[in-house]
Amino acid sequence: MDWDNPILALKERDLTLIGGSYFWNGAREEALFYKGYSQEYGPIKVDQIALAYYRYERVIQDIAVECEQVFLTTEGGEDREQAYQYFTSNFLPNHLIELAIKTHKLCSNEG
């Protein structure tokens, strides 16, 4: 995650992008991450409801920033084009929106 504005939060906030999205698309990468995470911090239990919340929160924040960069700036060029690419990538398979929905469905199936 970012270190621009560090906050005190549940571990699930740090795990938002694990298992999908920009960097962690495969099951192998996810398994390796959790192996390293548990070696550092011990066995972990992930609260799926909290994880779903933070994933939805991240999607909303990303889309808001990207829309602002695309629609509310008077500048054009590469920055606007890159913001548009980031915006549209949210809707691709295995990216954060789909990951948030899958996590939410897991919560519904558990309850």
Protein backbone atom coordinates (compact mmCIF):
# COMPACT_ATOMS: atom_id res chain seq x y z
CA MET A 1 0.00 0.00 0.00
CA ASP A 2 0.91 3.65 0.00
CA TRP A 3 3.04 5.30 2.63
CA ASP A 4 1.75 8.76 1.69
CA ASN A 5 -0.80 8.74 4.51
CA PRO A 6 -0.13 5.81 6.86
CA ILE A 7 -3.00 4.95 9.18
CA LEU A 8 -3.65 2.47 11.94
CA ALA A 9 -5.93 -0.21 10.48
CA LEU A 10 -6.68 -3.89 10.44
CA LYS A 11 -4.25 -6.18 8.63
CA GLU A 12 -6.94 -6.76 6.00
CA ARG A 13 -6.36 -3.24 4.72
CA ASP A 14 -2.78 -4.22 3.88
CA LEU A 15 -4.04 -7.36 2.16
CA THR A 16 -6.46 -5.54 -0.15
CA LEU A 17 -4.55 -6.20 -3.39
CA ILE A 18 -3.37 -9.71 -2.59
CA GLY A 19 -5.02 -12.33 -4.79
CA GLY A 20 -5.89 -10.07 -7.68
CA SER A 21 -5.64 -6.67 -9.21
CA TYR A 22 -2.48 -5.00 -10.37
CA PHE A 23 0.31 -7.11 -8.94
CA TRP A 24 -1.03 -10.34 -7.47
CA ASN A 25 -3.02 -12.07 -10.19
CA GLY A 26 -2.15 -15.69 -9.61
CA ALA A 27 -2.80 -18.27 -6.94
CA ARG A 28 0.93 -19.00 -6.82
CA GLU A 29 1.82 -15.38 -6.04
CA GLU A 30 -0.92 -15.25 -3.42
CA ALA A 31 0.30 -18.46 -1.75
CA LEU A 32 3.91 -17.20 -1.73
CA PHE A 33 2.82 -13.90 -0.21
CA TYR A 34 0.87 -15.55 2.61
CA LYS A 35 3.74 -17.96 3.25
CA GLY A 36 6.12 -15.04 3.70
CA TYR A 37 3.55 -13.06 5.68
CA SER A 38 2.97 -15.91 8.13
CA GLN A 39 6.73 -16.50 8.50
CA GLU A 40 7.09 -12.86 9.51
CA TYR A 41 3.97 -12.46 11.66
CA GLY A 42 2.89 -16.02 12.52
CA PRO A 43 -0.26 -17.80 11.42
CA ILE A 44 -2.96 -15.39 10.37
CA LYS A 45 -6.70 -15.58 10.08
CA VAL A 46 -8.14 -13.18 7.55
CA ASP A 47 -11.49 -11.56 8.35
CA GLN A 48 -13.22 -11.86 4.97
CA ILE A 49 -15.84 -9.23 5.84
CA ALA A 50 -13.13 -6.68 6.67
CA LEU A 51 -11.20 -7.67 3.55
CA ALA A 52 -14.30 -7.20 1.37
CA TYR A 53 -14.90 -3.79 2.96
CA TYR A 54 -11.35 -2.59 2.30
CA ARG A 55 -11.44 -3.89 -1.28
CA TYR A 56 -14.67 -2.01 -1.99
CA GLU A 57 -13.25 1.07 -0.29
CA ARG A 58 -10.14 0.89 -2.47
CA VAL A 59 -12.21 0.57 -5.65
CA ILE A 60 -14.29 3.61 -4.76
CA GLN A 61 -11.21 5.68 -3.89
CA ASP A 62 -9.39 4.67 -7.08
CA ILE A 63 -12.37 5.41 -9.32
CA ALA A 64 -12.93 8.80 -7.65
CA VAL A 65 -9.30 9.82 -8.18
CA GLU A 66 -9.22 8.56 -11.76
CA CYS A 67 -12.49 10.30 -12.67
CA GLU A 68 -11.20 13.53 -11.18
CA GLN A 69 -8.04 13.23 -13.29
CA VAL A 70 -10.03 12.50 -16.45
CA PHE A 71 -13.03 14.83 -16.09
CA LEU A 72 -12.07 17.67 -13.78
CA THR A 73 -8.64 18.62 -15.00
CA THR A 74 -8.01 21.29 -17.59
CA GLU A 75 -4.77 19.60 -18.52
CA GLY A 76 -4.75 16.92 -21.19
CA GLY A 77 -2.17 14.64 -22.57
CA GLU A 78 -0.53 11.57 -21.16
CA ASP A 79 -1.69 12.00 -17.55
CA ARG A 80 -5.33 12.09 -18.59
CA GLU A 81 -4.86 9.09 -20.89
CA GLN A 82 -3.11 7.13 -18.13
CA ALA A 83 -5.89 7.94 -15.66
CA TYR A 84 -8.43 6.69 -18.21
CA GLN A 85 -6.45 3.45 -18.62
CA TYR A 86 -6.36 2.99 -14.84
CA PHE A 87 -10.10 3.68 -14.65
CA THR A 88 -11.03 1.14 -17.33
CA SER A 89 -8.66 -1.48 -15.88
CA ASN A 90 -10.80 -1.59 -12.73
CA PHE A 91 -13.46 -3.38 -14.78
CA LEU A 92 -11.18 -6.04 -16.28
CA PRO A 93 -11.41 -9.67 -15.17
CA ASN A 94 -9.33 -10.46 -12.06
CA HIS A 95 -8.93 -6.82 -11.12
CA LEU A 96 -10.08 -5.11 -7.96
CA ILE A 97 -13.83 -4.83 -8.65
CA GLU A 98 -14.13 -8.52 -9.44
CA LEU A 99 -11.90 -9.37 -6.49
CA ALA A 100 -14.06 -7.29 -4.13
CA ILE A 101 -17.23 -8.96 -5.40
CA LYS A 102 -15.72 -12.45 -5.02
CA THR A 103 -14.61 -11.65 -1.47
CA HIS A 104 -18.06 -10.32 -0.63
CA LYS A 105 -19.68 -13.49 -2.02
CA LEU A 106 -17.36 -15.60 0.16
CA CYS A 107 -18.67 -13.70 3.19
CA SER A 108 -22.27 -14.37 2.12
CA ASN A 109 -21.54 -18.09 1.68
CA GLU A 110 -19.91 -18.35 5.12
CA GLY A 111 -22.87 -16.82 6.98
